[in-house]
């Protein structure tokens, strides 16, 4: 290869290297910028998800902005809170503003809503305002609702009597389960059949006189 061709090739290689470096620097800068901005975007989306849905659904059923913001912010599961309020508002005569407090206090808002809707449909207007209070008092709202509906399907008595009967039974069941004797804990490595079982004592036999 002639000297002139070598000089031309070296020039081309230097130009290519310079072009590569010029392109690499902006690409790295863009990659660094995306690494910084994308996690922030993901965090913003996660924060706006459940709480945004909760607030929007509560506002749609007439809850004030202040009450919606406080209720959603305090809820462990904002979506469940909103679902509870909306279901009660749509399927019963109970107002969303009345349902919000009970749904917010419930350990399982969706179970509370199931109780309120089921019992309200069964009792009609006879005890509708009281249903929310009774289902809210129960620690087992689905069981309580089944109790009320089941008894009234076979026994002809007022709705208030069914509510009182089932809430009393509900309290008894919860009290019995919470006061039951806890199981005995045996330390690891022990053998209860040996270590915890007393050996029978043998009666003492008096020595016979005159014998050694």
N, C-alpha and C. Protein backbone atom coordinates (compact mmCIF):
# COMPACT_ATOMS: atom_id res chain seq x y z
N UNK A 1 0.86 -1.18 0.00
CA UNK A 1 0.00 0.00 0.00
C UNK A 1 0.90 1.23 0.00
N UNK A 2 0.55 2.23 -0.78
CA UNK A 2 1.36 3.44 -0.88
C UNK A 2 1.17 4.30 0.34
N UNK A 3 2.13 5.21 0.55
CA UNK A 3 2.10 6.11 1.69
C UNK A 3 0.89 7.02 1.67
N UNK A 4 0.47 7.43 0.50
CA UNK A 4 -0.68 8.34 0.40
C UNK A 4 -1.97 7.67 0.86
N UNK A 5 -2.10 6.37 0.49
CA UNK A 5 -3.31 5.65 0.89
C UNK A 5 -3.36 5.47 2.40
N UNK A 6 -2.16 5.20 3.02
CA UNK A 6 -2.11 5.05 4.47
C UNK A 6 -2.53 6.33 5.18
N UNK A 7 -2.06 7.44 4.67
CA UNK A 7 -2.42 8.72 5.27
C UNK A 7 -3.91 8.96 5.17
N UNK A 8 -4.50 8.62 4.00
CA UNK A 8 -5.95 8.81 3.82
C UNK A 8 -6.73 7.92 4.77
N UNK A 9 -6.30 6.65 4.95
CA UNK A 9 -7.01 5.73 5.85
C UNK A 9 -6.93 6.19 7.29
N UNK A 10 -5.76 6.69 7.71
CA UNK A 10 -5.61 7.20 9.07
C UNK A 10 -6.54 8.38 9.32
N UNK A 11 -6.67 9.20 8.32
CA UNK A 11 -7.55 10.35 8.45
C UNK A 11 -9.01 9.93 8.59
N UNK A 12 -9.38 8.92 7.82
CA UNK A 12 -10.75 8.43 7.89
C UNK A 12 -11.03 7.81 9.27
N UNK A 13 -10.02 7.03 9.78
CA UNK A 13 -10.20 6.41 11.10
C UNK A 13 -10.34 7.43 12.21
N UNK A 14 -9.53 8.47 12.16
CA UNK A 14 -9.63 9.53 13.16
C UNK A 14 -10.98 10.23 13.09
N UNK A 15 -11.46 10.47 11.85
CA UNK A 15 -12.76 11.14 11.69
C UNK A 15 -13.89 10.27 12.23
N UNK A 16 -13.79 8.94 11.97
CA UNK A 16 -14.82 8.02 12.47
C UNK A 16 -14.82 7.97 13.98
N UNK A 17 -13.61 7.93 14.58
CA UNK A 17 -13.52 7.89 16.05
C UNK A 17 -14.09 9.15 16.66
N UNK A 18 -13.81 10.28 16.05
CA UNK A 18 -14.33 11.55 16.55
C UNK A 18 -15.84 11.60 16.45
N UNK A 19 -16.37 11.10 15.33
CA UNK A 19 -17.83 11.08 15.16
C UNK A 19 -18.49 10.17 16.19
N UNK A 20 -17.87 8.99 16.48
CA UNK A 20 -18.41 8.06 17.46
C UNK A 20 -18.46 8.67 18.85
N UNK A 21 -17.35 9.37 19.20
CA UNK A 21 -17.33 10.02 20.51
C UNK A 21 -18.38 11.11 20.60
N UNK A 22 -18.58 11.85 19.53
CA UNK A 22 -19.58 12.92 19.54
C UNK A 22 -21.00 12.38 19.69
N UNK A 23 -21.23 11.17 19.13
CA UNK A 23 -22.57 10.57 19.24
C UNK A 23 -22.77 9.90 20.59
N UNK A 24 -21.69 9.34 21.15
CA UNK A 24 -21.79 8.59 22.41
C UNK A 24 -22.14 9.50 23.58
N UNK A 25 -21.52 10.68 23.63
CA UNK A 25 -21.74 11.58 24.76
C UNK A 25 -23.20 11.99 24.90
N UNK A 26 -23.90 12.42 23.82
CA UNK A 26 -25.33 12.75 23.98
C UNK A 26 -26.19 11.56 24.37
N UNK A 27 -25.85 10.35 23.82
CA UNK A 27 -26.64 9.17 24.16
C UNK A 27 -26.52 8.84 25.64
N UNK A 28 -25.30 8.92 26.17
CA UNK A 28 -25.11 8.66 27.60
C UNK A 28 -25.83 9.70 28.45
N UNK A 29 -25.80 10.93 27.99
CA UNK A 29 -26.49 11.98 28.74
C UNK A 29 -27.99 11.75 28.77
N UNK A 30 -28.55 11.32 27.63
CA UNK A 30 -30.00 11.05 27.57
C UNK A 30 -30.35 9.86 28.46
N UNK A 31 -29.47 8.82 28.44
CA UNK A 31 -29.73 7.64 29.28
C UNK A 31 -29.72 8.02 30.75
N UNK A 32 -28.78 8.86 31.13
CA UNK A 32 -28.74 9.29 32.52
C UNK A 32 -29.95 10.11 32.91
N UNK A 33 -30.41 10.92 32.01
CA UNK A 33 -31.60 11.74 32.28
C UNK A 33 -32.83 10.87 32.43
N UNK A 34 -32.96 9.84 31.57
CA UNK A 34 -34.11 8.93 31.67
C UNK A 34 -34.07 8.14 32.96
N UNK A 35 -32.87 7.73 33.39
CA UNK A 35 -32.75 6.99 34.64
C UNK A 35 -33.21 7.83 35.82
N UNK A 36 -32.98 9.12 35.73
CA UNK A 36 -33.39 10.02 36.81
C UNK A 36 -34.88 10.30 36.80
N UNK A 37 -35.46 10.45 35.62
CA UNK A 37 -36.86 10.89 35.53
C UNK A 37 -37.85 9.74 35.62
N UNK A 38 -37.51 8.53 35.10
CA UNK A 38 -38.48 7.44 35.06
C UNK A 38 -38.91 6.96 36.44
N UNK A 39 -38.01 6.75 37.41
CA UNK A 39 -38.50 6.35 38.75
C UNK A 39 -39.45 7.37 39.36
N UNK A 40 -39.17 8.64 39.14
CA UNK A 40 -40.06 9.67 39.68
C UNK A 40 -41.44 9.57 39.06
N UNK A 41 -41.47 9.27 37.75
CA UNK A 41 -42.76 9.12 37.06
C UNK A 41 -43.51 7.92 37.60
N UNK A 42 -42.78 6.80 37.83
CA UNK A 42 -43.43 5.60 38.36
C UNK A 42 -43.98 5.84 39.75
N UNK A 43 -43.24 6.55 40.58
CA UNK A 43 -43.71 6.85 41.94
C UNK A 43 -44.96 7.73 41.89
N UNK A 44 -44.92 8.73 41.03
CA UNK A 44 -46.07 9.62 40.92
C UNK A 44 -47.31 8.86 40.48
N UNK A 45 -47.14 7.91 39.55
CA UNK A 45 -48.28 7.13 39.07
C UNK A 45 -48.83 6.24 40.17
N UNK A 46 -47.93 5.62 40.95
CA UNK A 46 -48.39 4.72 42.00
C UNK A 46 -49.14 5.48 43.09
N UNK A 47 -48.69 6.68 43.40
CA UNK A 47 -49.37 7.47 44.43
C UNK A 47 -50.74 7.95 43.96
N UNK A 48 -50.87 8.22 42.69
CA UNK A 48 -52.13 8.77 42.20
C UNK A 48 -53.15 7.70 41.90
N UNK A 49 -52.76 6.43 41.92
CA UNK A 49 -53.64 5.37 41.47
C UNK A 49 -54.84 5.14 42.40
N UNK A 50 -54.62 4.45 43.50
CA UNK A 50 -55.73 4.08 44.39
C UNK A 50 -56.44 5.30 44.97
N UNK A 51 -55.68 6.28 45.37
CA UNK A 51 -56.28 7.46 46.00
C UNK A 51 -57.06 8.30 44.99
N UNK A 52 -56.58 8.35 43.77
CA UNK A 52 -57.30 9.08 42.72
C UNK A 52 -58.63 8.40 42.42
N UNK A 53 -58.60 7.07 42.30
CA UNK A 53 -59.83 6.32 42.05
C UNK A 53 -60.81 6.50 43.20
N UNK A 54 -60.31 6.42 44.43
CA UNK A 54 -61.15 6.57 45.61
C UNK A 54 -61.83 7.93 45.63
N UNK A 55 -61.05 8.98 45.46
CA UNK A 55 -61.61 10.33 45.50
C UNK A 55 -62.62 10.55 44.39
N UNK A 56 -62.28 10.09 43.18
CA UNK A 56 -63.19 10.27 42.06
C UNK A 56 -64.53 9.58 42.25
N UNK A 57 -64.49 8.36 42.79
CA UNK A 57 -65.73 7.61 42.98
C UNK A 57 -66.58 8.22 44.10
N UNK A 58 -65.94 8.70 45.15
CA UNK A 58 -66.70 9.32 46.23
C UNK A 58 -67.34 10.62 45.78
N UNK A 59 -66.61 11.39 45.00
CA UNK A 59 -67.18 12.64 44.48
C UNK A 59 -68.37 12.37 43.58
N UNK A 60 -68.34 11.24 42.86
CA UNK A 60 -69.41 10.93 41.91
C UNK A 60 -70.73 10.61 42.59
N UNK A 61 -70.70 10.24 43.89
CA UNK A 61 -71.94 9.93 44.60
C UNK A 61 -72.32 11.02 45.60
N UNK A 62 -71.72 12.19 45.46
CA UNK A 62 -72.16 13.33 46.25
C UNK A 62 -71.37 13.61 47.51
N UNK A 63 -70.28 12.90 47.73
CA UNK A 63 -69.43 13.19 48.89
C UNK A 63 -68.67 14.49 48.62
N UNK A 64 -68.56 15.34 49.62
CA UNK A 64 -67.86 16.61 49.42
C UNK A 64 -66.36 16.36 49.24
N UNK A 65 -65.69 17.33 48.64
CA UNK A 65 -64.26 17.20 48.39
C UNK A 65 -63.49 17.02 49.69
N UNK A 66 -63.86 17.75 50.72
CA UNK A 66 -63.16 17.65 51.99
C UNK A 66 -63.34 16.27 52.61
N UNK A 67 -64.58 15.77 52.63
CA UNK A 67 -64.85 14.45 53.21
C UNK A 67 -64.18 13.35 52.40
N UNK A 68 -64.19 13.49 51.07
CA UNK A 68 -63.57 12.49 50.21
C UNK A 68 -62.06 12.44 50.43
N UNK A 69 -61.44 13.59 50.53
CA UNK A 69 -59.98 13.62 50.72
C UNK A 69 -59.60 13.02 52.07
N UNK A 70 -60.34 13.36 53.11
CA UNK A 70 -60.03 12.83 54.44
C UNK A 70 -60.28 11.32 54.51
N UNK A 71 -61.40 10.89 53.92
CA UNK A 71 -61.73 9.46 53.95
C UNK A 71 -60.73 8.63 53.17
N UNK A 72 -60.36 9.06 51.97
CA UNK A 72 -59.42 8.29 51.15
C UNK A 72 -58.03 8.29 51.76
N UNK A 73 -57.61 9.42 52.31
CA UNK A 73 -56.27 9.50 52.90
C UNK A 73 -56.14 8.59 54.11
N UNK A 74 -57.21 8.44 54.88
CA UNK A 74 -57.15 7.63 56.10
C UNK A 74 -57.39 6.15 55.85
N UNK A 75 -57.86 5.80 54.67
CA UNK A 75 -58.22 4.40 54.39
C UNK A 75 -56.99 3.56 54.11
N UNK A 76 -56.98 2.34 54.67
CA UNK A 76 -55.90 1.41 54.39
C UNK A 76 -55.99 0.91 52.96
N UNK A 77 -57.23 0.71 52.49
CA UNK A 77 -57.47 0.28 51.11
C UNK A 77 -58.47 1.26 50.49
N UNK A 78 -57.98 2.33 49.89
CA UNK A 78 -58.88 3.38 49.37
C UNK A 78 -59.90 2.86 48.37
N UNK A 79 -59.50 1.96 47.50
CA UNK A 79 -60.45 1.43 46.51
C UNK A 79 -61.61 0.71 47.19
N UNK A 80 -61.30 -0.09 48.22
CA UNK A 80 -62.35 -0.82 48.93
C UNK A 80 -63.30 0.13 49.65
N UNK A 81 -62.75 1.19 50.20
CA UNK A 81 -63.60 2.19 50.86
C UNK A 81 -64.59 2.78 49.86
N UNK A 82 -64.09 3.21 48.72
CA UNK A 82 -64.96 3.81 47.71
C UNK A 82 -65.99 2.81 47.20
N UNK A 83 -65.56 1.56 46.98
CA UNK A 83 -66.48 0.53 46.51
C UNK A 83 -67.61 0.30 47.51
N UNK A 84 -67.29 0.32 48.79
CA UNK A 84 -68.28 0.14 49.85
C UNK A 84 -69.33 1.25 49.81
N UNK A 85 -68.87 2.49 49.75
CA UNK A 85 -69.79 3.64 49.75
C UNK A 85 -70.66 3.63 48.50
N UNK A 86 -70.05 3.40 47.36
CA UNK A 86 -70.80 3.45 46.10
C UNK A 86 -71.84 2.33 46.04
N UNK A 87 -71.48 1.13 46.49
CA UNK A 87 -72.42 0.00 46.45
C UNK A 87 -73.63 0.27 47.34
N UNK A 88 -73.40 0.76 48.53
CA UNK A 88 -74.51 1.05 49.44
C UNK A 88 -75.39 2.16 48.87
N UNK A 89 -74.76 3.19 48.32
CA UNK A 89 -75.52 4.31 47.76
C UNK A 89 -76.37 3.87 46.57
N UNK A 90 -75.83 3.00 45.72
CA UNK A 90 -76.55 2.61 44.50
C UNK A 90 -77.63 1.57 44.76
N UNK A 91 -77.44 0.69 45.74
CA UNK A 91 -78.33 -0.46 45.89
C UNK A 91 -79.24 -0.40 47.11
N UNK A 92 -79.15 0.67 47.89
CA UNK A 92 -80.05 0.83 49.04
C UNK A 92 -80.56 2.26 49.08
N UNK A 93 -81.40 2.54 50.07
CA UNK A 93 -81.90 3.90 50.26
C UNK A 93 -81.01 4.71 51.19
N UNK A 94 -79.91 4.13 51.61
CA UNK A 94 -78.97 4.81 52.52
C UNK A 94 -78.10 5.77 51.72
N UNK A 95 -77.97 6.98 52.19
CA UNK A 95 -77.18 7.99 51.48
C UNK A 95 -75.69 7.71 51.59
N UNK A 96 -74.96 8.11 50.57
CA UNK A 96 -73.50 7.90 50.56
C UNK A 96 -72.83 8.62 51.72
N UNK A 97 -73.34 9.78 52.08
CA UNK A 97 -72.75 10.53 53.20
C UNK A 97 -72.88 9.77 54.51
N UNK A 98 -73.96 9.01 54.67
CA UNK A 98 -74.13 8.20 55.88
C UNK A 98 -73.26 6.94 55.83
N UNK A 99 -73.08 6.41 54.63
CA UNK A 99 -72.30 5.17 54.49
C UNK A 99 -70.81 5.41 54.66
N UNK A 100 -70.34 6.60 54.36
CA UNK A 100 -68.89 6.88 54.37
C UNK A 100 -68.27 6.58 55.73
N UNK A 101 -68.89 7.02 56.80
CA UNK A 101 -68.33 6.84 58.13
C UNK A 101 -68.21 5.35 58.47
N UNK A 102 -69.27 4.60 58.22
CA UNK A 102 -69.25 3.17 58.55
C UNK A 102 -68.24 2.41 57.68
N UNK A 103 -68.19 2.74 56.41
CA UNK A 103 -67.23 2.07 55.51
C UNK A 103 -65.80 2.39 55.93
N UNK A 104 -65.58 3.61 56.41
CA UNK A 104 -64.24 3.99 56.84
C UNK A 104 -63.80 3.28 58.11
N UNK A 105 -64.74 2.90 58.96
CA UNK A 105 -64.41 2.23 60.21
C UNK A 105 -64.30 0.72 60.05
N UNK A 106 -64.85 0.18 58.99
CA UNK A 106 -64.91 -1.27 58.81
C UNK A 106 -63.54 -1.85 58.51
N UNK A 107 -63.26 -3.02 59.09
CA UNK A 107 -62.00 -3.71 58.79
C UNK A 107 -62.03 -4.23 57.36
N UNK A 108 -63.19 -4.67 56.91
CA UNK A 108 -63.36 -5.16 55.54
C UNK A 108 -64.57 -4.45 54.92
N UNK A 109 -64.32 -3.29 54.31
CA UNK A 109 -65.44 -2.48 53.79
C UNK A 109 -66.35 -3.22 52.81
N UNK A 110 -65.79 -4.08 51.98
CA UNK A 110 -66.62 -4.76 51.00
C UNK A 110 -67.59 -5.75 51.67
N UNK A 111 -67.14 -6.39 52.76
CA UNK A 111 -68.04 -7.27 53.50
C UNK A 111 -69.15 -6.48 54.18
N UNK A 112 -68.81 -5.30 54.66
CA UNK A 112 -69.84 -4.44 55.25
C UNK A 112 -70.89 -4.09 54.21
N UNK A 113 -70.45 -3.72 53.02
CA UNK A 113 -71.40 -3.36 51.97
C UNK A 113 -72.29 -4.54 51.60
N UNK A 114 -71.70 -5.73 51.54
CA UNK A 114 -72.49 -6.93 51.24
C UNK A 114 -73.57 -7.15 52.29
N UNK A 115 -73.23 -6.96 53.55
CA UNK A 115 -74.18 -7.10 54.64
C UNK A 115 -75.31 -6.07 54.52
N UNK A 116 -74.93 -4.82 54.33
CA UNK A 116 -75.92 -3.74 54.28
C UNK A 116 -76.88 -3.94 53.11
N UNK A 117 -76.35 -4.26 51.96
CA UNK A 117 -77.21 -4.43 50.77
C UNK A 117 -78.12 -5.63 50.94
N UNK A 118 -77.56 -6.77 51.40
CA UNK A 118 -78.37 -7.98 51.54
C UNK A 118 -79.49 -7.82 52.55
N UNK A 119 -79.19 -7.26 53.71
CA UNK A 119 -80.21 -7.09 54.75
C UNK A 119 -81.22 -6.02 54.33
N UNK A 120 -80.77 -4.98 53.68
CA UNK A 120 -81.69 -3.92 53.25
C UNK A 120 -82.70 -4.45 52.24
N UNK A 121 -82.25 -5.28 51.31
CA UNK A 121 -83.16 -5.86 50.33
C UNK A 121 -84.17 -6.77 51.01
N UNK A 122 -83.76 -7.44 52.09
CA UNK A 122 -84.65 -8.36 52.79
C UNK A 122 -85.65 -7.63 53.67
N UNK A 123 -85.20 -6.56 54.34
CA UNK A 123 -86.08 -5.86 55.27
C UNK A 123 -86.86 -4.73 54.61
N UNK A 124 -86.51 -4.41 53.38
CA UNK A 124 -87.15 -3.31 52.63
C UNK A 124 -87.00 -2.01 53.41
N UNK A 125 -88.07 -1.28 53.56
CA UNK A 125 -88.01 0.01 54.25
C UNK A 125 -88.23 -0.12 55.76
N UNK A 126 -88.50 -1.35 56.22
CA UNK A 126 -88.89 -1.54 57.60
C UNK A 126 -87.79 -1.13 58.58
N UNK A 127 -86.55 -1.43 58.25
CA UNK A 127 -85.45 -1.12 59.16
C UNK A 127 -84.23 -0.62 58.41
N UNK A 128 -84.46 -0.03 57.26
CA UNK A 128 -83.35 0.37 56.40
C UNK A 128 -82.33 1.28 57.08
N UNK A 129 -82.74 2.33 57.77
CA UNK A 129 -81.73 3.20 58.39
C UNK A 129 -80.90 2.50 59.47
N UNK A 130 -81.49 1.49 60.14
CA UNK A 130 -80.78 0.81 61.22
C UNK A 130 -79.82 -0.26 60.70
N UNK A 131 -79.98 -0.69 59.47
CA UNK A 131 -79.16 -1.78 58.94
C UNK A 131 -77.68 -1.39 58.93
N UNK A 132 -77.40 -0.17 58.53
CA UNK A 132 -76.01 0.30 58.47
C UNK A 132 -75.35 0.22 59.85
N UNK A 133 -76.10 0.61 60.88
CA UNK A 133 -75.56 0.57 62.24
C UNK A 133 -75.29 -0.86 62.69
N UNK A 134 -76.24 -1.76 62.43
CA UNK A 134 -76.07 -3.14 62.87
C UNK A 134 -74.93 -3.83 62.13
N UNK A 135 -74.86 -3.67 60.82
CA UNK A 135 -73.77 -4.30 60.06
C UNK A 135 -72.43 -3.71 60.47
N UNK A 136 -72.41 -2.42 60.82
CA UNK A 136 -71.18 -1.79 61.27
C UNK A 136 -70.74 -2.29 62.63
N UNK A 137 -71.70 -2.65 63.49
CA UNK A 137 -71.37 -3.16 64.82
C UNK A 137 -70.81 -4.58 64.76
N UNK A 138 -71.24 -5.33 63.79
CA UNK A 138 -70.85 -6.74 63.71
C UNK A 138 -69.39 -6.88 63.27
N UNK A 139 -68.66 -7.76 63.95
CA UNK A 139 -67.30 -8.08 63.53
C UNK A 139 -67.29 -9.13 62.43
N UNK A 140 -68.45 -9.75 62.20
CA UNK A 140 -68.60 -10.74 61.13
C UNK A 140 -69.81 -10.33 60.28
N UNK A 141 -69.68 -9.26 59.51
CA UNK A 141 -70.86 -8.69 58.84
C UNK A 141 -71.54 -9.63 57.85
N UNK A 142 -70.78 -10.44 57.13
CA UNK A 142 -71.40 -11.36 56.17
C UNK A 142 -72.21 -12.42 56.92
N UNK A 143 -71.65 -12.96 57.99
CA UNK A 143 -72.38 -13.94 58.80
C UNK A 143 -73.63 -13.31 59.41
N UNK A 144 -73.49 -12.08 59.88
CA UNK A 144 -74.64 -11.39 60.47
C UNK A 144 -75.75 -11.22 59.43
N UNK A 145 -75.38 -10.79 58.23
CA UNK A 145 -76.38 -10.62 57.18
C UNK A 145 -77.06 -11.93 56.82
N UNK A 146 -76.29 -13.00 56.76
CA UNK A 146 -76.88 -14.31 56.47
C UNK A 146 -77.83 -14.74 57.57
N UNK A 147 -77.50 -14.40 58.81
CA UNK A 147 -78.37 -14.73 59.94
C UNK A 147 -79.72 -14.04 59.80
N UNK A 148 -79.70 -12.74 59.54
CA UNK A 148 -80.95 -11.98 59.44
C UNK A 148 -81.81 -12.49 58.29
N UNK A 149 -81.20 -12.63 57.13
CA UNK A 149 -81.96 -13.07 55.95
C UNK A 149 -82.46 -14.50 56.13
N UNK A 150 -81.62 -15.37 56.68
CA UNK A 150 -82.01 -16.76 56.85
C UNK A 150 -83.15 -16.94 57.83
N UNK A 151 -83.09 -16.25 58.98
CA UNK A 151 -84.16 -16.38 59.96
C UNK A 151 -85.48 -15.84 59.42
N UNK A 152 -85.43 -14.70 58.77
CA UNK A 152 -86.67 -14.10 58.26
C UNK A 152 -87.27 -14.89 57.10
N UNK A 153 -86.46 -15.72 56.46
CA UNK A 153 -87.01 -16.54 55.37
C UNK A 153 -87.90 -17.67 55.90
N UNK A 154 -87.72 -18.03 57.19
CA UNK A 154 -88.48 -19.13 57.76
C UNK A 154 -89.37 -18.71 58.92
N UNK A 155 -89.03 -17.59 59.55
CA UNK A 155 -89.77 -17.15 60.74
C UNK A 155 -90.36 -15.77 60.48
N UNK A 156 -91.62 -15.63 60.77
CA UNK A 156 -92.31 -14.36 60.52
C UNK A 156 -92.21 -13.48 61.77
N UNK A 157 -91.19 -12.66 61.82
CA UNK A 157 -91.10 -11.68 62.90
C UNK A 157 -90.49 -10.39 62.36
N UNK A 158 -90.66 -9.27 63.08
CA UNK A 158 -90.22 -7.98 62.58
C UNK A 158 -88.73 -7.94 62.30
N UNK A 159 -88.34 -7.07 61.39
CA UNK A 159 -86.93 -6.95 61.03
C UNK A 159 -86.08 -6.53 62.22
N UNK A 160 -86.61 -5.63 63.05
CA UNK A 160 -85.84 -5.17 64.21
C UNK A 160 -85.55 -6.32 65.17
N UNK A 161 -86.48 -7.25 65.29
CA UNK A 161 -86.26 -8.40 66.16
C UNK A 161 -85.18 -9.30 65.59
N UNK A 162 -85.19 -9.49 64.28
CA UNK A 162 -84.16 -10.30 63.64
C UNK A 162 -82.79 -9.65 63.80
N UNK A 163 -82.73 -8.34 63.66
CA UNK A 163 -81.47 -7.62 63.82
C UNK A 163 -80.92 -7.78 65.24
N UNK A 164 -81.80 -7.62 66.22
CA UNK A 164 -81.36 -7.74 67.61
C UNK A 164 -80.93 -9.17 67.94
N UNK A 165 -81.69 -10.14 67.45
CA UNK A 165 -81.37 -11.54 67.73
C UNK A 165 -80.01 -11.91 67.14
N UNK A 166 -79.78 -11.53 65.90
CA UNK A 166 -78.54 -11.91 65.22
C UNK A 166 -77.33 -11.14 65.75
N UNK A 167 -77.52 -9.89 66.16
CA UNK A 167 -76.37 -9.14 66.69
C UNK A 167 -75.98 -9.70 68.05
N UNK A 168 -76.96 -10.16 68.83
CA UNK A 168 -76.65 -10.77 70.12
C UNK A 168 -75.88 -12.07 69.93
N UNK A 169 -76.32 -12.86 68.97
CA UNK A 169 -75.62 -14.11 68.67
C UNK A 169 -74.23 -13.84 68.11
N UNK A 170 -74.12 -12.79 67.32
CA UNK A 170 -72.83 -12.40 66.75
C UNK A 170 -71.83 -12.05 67.85
N UNK A 171 -72.30 -11.29 68.82
CA UNK A 171 -71.44 -10.91 69.95
C UNK A 171 -71.01 -12.14 70.74
N UNK A 172 -71.93 -13.10 70.90
CA UNK A 172 -71.61 -14.30 71.65
C UNK A 172 -70.56 -15.14 70.94
N UNK A 173 -70.70 -15.26 69.63
CA UNK A 173 -69.74 -16.06 68.85
C UNK A 173 -68.36 -15.44 68.91
N UNK A 174 -68.30 -14.11 68.74
CA UNK A 174 -67.01 -13.43 68.78
C UNK A 174 -66.39 -13.53 70.18
N UNK A 175 -67.23 -13.36 71.22
CA UNK A 175 -66.72 -13.45 72.58
C UNK A 175 -66.20 -14.82 72.91
N UNK A 176 -66.91 -15.85 72.44
CA UNK A 176 -66.47 -17.22 72.72
C UNK A 176 -65.16 -17.53 72.02
N UNK A 177 -65.00 -17.05 70.78
CA UNK A 177 -63.78 -17.35 70.04
C UNK A 177 -62.58 -16.61 70.61
N UNK A 178 -62.82 -15.42 71.18
CA UNK A 178 -61.70 -14.64 71.71
C UNK A 178 -61.29 -15.10 73.10
N UNK A 179 -62.22 -15.77 73.82
CA UNK A 179 -61.91 -16.20 75.19
C UNK A 179 -61.56 -17.68 75.27
N UNK A 180 -61.43 -18.33 74.13
CA UNK A 180 -61.10 -19.75 74.16
C UNK A 180 -59.69 -19.96 74.68
N UNK A 181 -59.46 -21.11 75.30
CA UNK A 181 -58.15 -21.39 75.90
C UNK A 181 -57.11 -21.56 74.81
N UNK A 182 -56.01 -20.83 74.89
CA UNK A 182 -54.99 -20.96 73.85
C UNK A 182 -54.31 -22.32 73.93
N UNK A 183 -53.81 -22.83 72.80
CA UNK A 183 -53.16 -24.14 72.82
C UNK A 183 -51.88 -24.11 73.64
N UNK A 184 -51.56 -25.25 74.25
CA UNK A 184 -50.34 -25.35 75.03
C UNK A 184 -49.14 -25.36 74.11
N UNK A 185 -48.16 -24.54 74.40
CA UNK A 185 -46.96 -24.46 73.59
C UNK A 185 -45.89 -25.34 74.21
N UNK A 186 -45.40 -26.30 73.46
CA UNK A 186 -44.37 -27.22 73.95
C UNK A 186 -43.05 -26.80 73.36
N UNK A 187 -42.02 -26.61 74.17
CA UNK A 187 -40.72 -26.19 73.64
C UNK A 187 -40.19 -27.15 72.61
N UNK A 188 -39.50 -26.59 71.62
CA UNK A 188 -38.93 -27.42 70.56
C UNK A 188 -37.93 -28.41 71.15
N UNK A 189 -37.98 -29.64 70.65
CA UNK A 189 -37.02 -30.65 71.09
C UNK A 189 -37.50 -31.45 72.28
N UNK A 190 -38.63 -31.07 72.87
CA UNK A 190 -39.12 -31.81 74.04
C UNK A 190 -40.04 -32.93 73.60
N UNK A 191 -40.19 -33.92 74.43
CA UNK A 191 -41.06 -35.05 74.15
C UNK A 191 -42.14 -35.09 75.22
N UNK A 192 -43.36 -34.61 74.88
CA UNK A 192 -44.39 -34.52 75.92
C UNK A 192 -44.77 -35.85 76.52
N UNK A 193 -44.63 -36.93 75.73
CA UNK A 193 -45.01 -38.24 76.26
C UNK A 193 -44.07 -38.74 77.33
N UNK A 194 -42.87 -38.15 77.37
CA UNK A 194 -41.89 -38.58 78.37
C UNK A 194 -41.72 -37.53 79.44
N UNK A 195 -41.44 -36.27 79.00
CA UNK A 195 -41.07 -35.23 79.94
C UNK A 195 -42.25 -34.72 80.76
N UNK A 196 -43.44 -34.70 80.16
CA UNK A 196 -44.58 -34.10 80.83
C UNK A 196 -45.51 -35.12 81.48
N UNK A 197 -45.19 -36.39 81.39
CA UNK A 197 -46.04 -37.41 81.98
C UNK A 197 -45.42 -37.87 83.29
N UNK A 198 -46.11 -37.67 84.41
CA UNK A 198 -45.52 -38.06 85.71
C UNK A 198 -45.44 -39.56 85.83
N UNK A 199 -44.38 -40.01 86.44
CA UNK A 199 -44.24 -41.44 86.65
C UNK A 199 -45.11 -41.86 87.84
N UNK A 200 -45.74 -43.03 87.79
CA UNK A 200 -46.55 -43.49 88.93
C UNK A 200 -45.67 -43.82 90.11
N UNK A 201 -46.13 -43.47 91.28
CA UNK A 201 -45.36 -43.75 92.50
C UNK A 201 -45.73 -45.12 93.03
N UNK A 202 -44.71 -45.85 93.46
CA UNK A 202 -44.95 -47.18 94.02
C UNK A 202 -45.20 -47.06 95.52
N UNK A 203 -46.18 -47.77 96.06
CA UNK A 203 -46.44 -47.71 97.51
C UNK A 203 -45.29 -48.33 98.29
N UNK A 204 -45.00 -47.73 99.42
CA UNK A 204 -43.94 -48.26 100.27
C UNK A 204 -44.42 -49.50 100.99
N UNK A 205 -43.62 -50.55 100.96
CA UNK A 205 -43.98 -51.81 101.61
C UNK A 205 -43.20 -51.87 102.92
N UNK A 206 -43.87 -51.91 104.05
CA UNK A 206 -43.14 -51.94 105.32
C UNK A 206 -42.30 -53.21 105.47
N UNK A 207 -41.14 -53.00 106.01
CA UNK A 207 -40.25 -54.15 106.20
C UNK A 207 -40.84 -55.12 107.21
N UNK A 208 -40.64 -56.41 106.96
CA UNK A 208 -41.17 -57.42 107.88
C UNK A 208 -40.25 -57.51 109.09
N UNK A 209 -40.84 -57.60 110.28
CA UNK A 209 -40.00 -57.69 111.49
C UNK A 209 -39.19 -58.97 111.53
N UNK A 210 -37.97 -58.84 111.95
CA UNK A 210 -37.12 -60.00 112.14
C UNK A 210 -36.40 -60.45 110.90
N UNK A 211 -36.51 -59.70 109.81
CA UNK A 211 -35.82 -60.08 108.57
C UNK A 211 -34.82 -59.04 108.21
N UNK A 212 -33.65 -59.41 107.64
CA UNK A 212 -32.61 -58.49 107.21
C UNK A 212 -32.39 -58.68 105.73
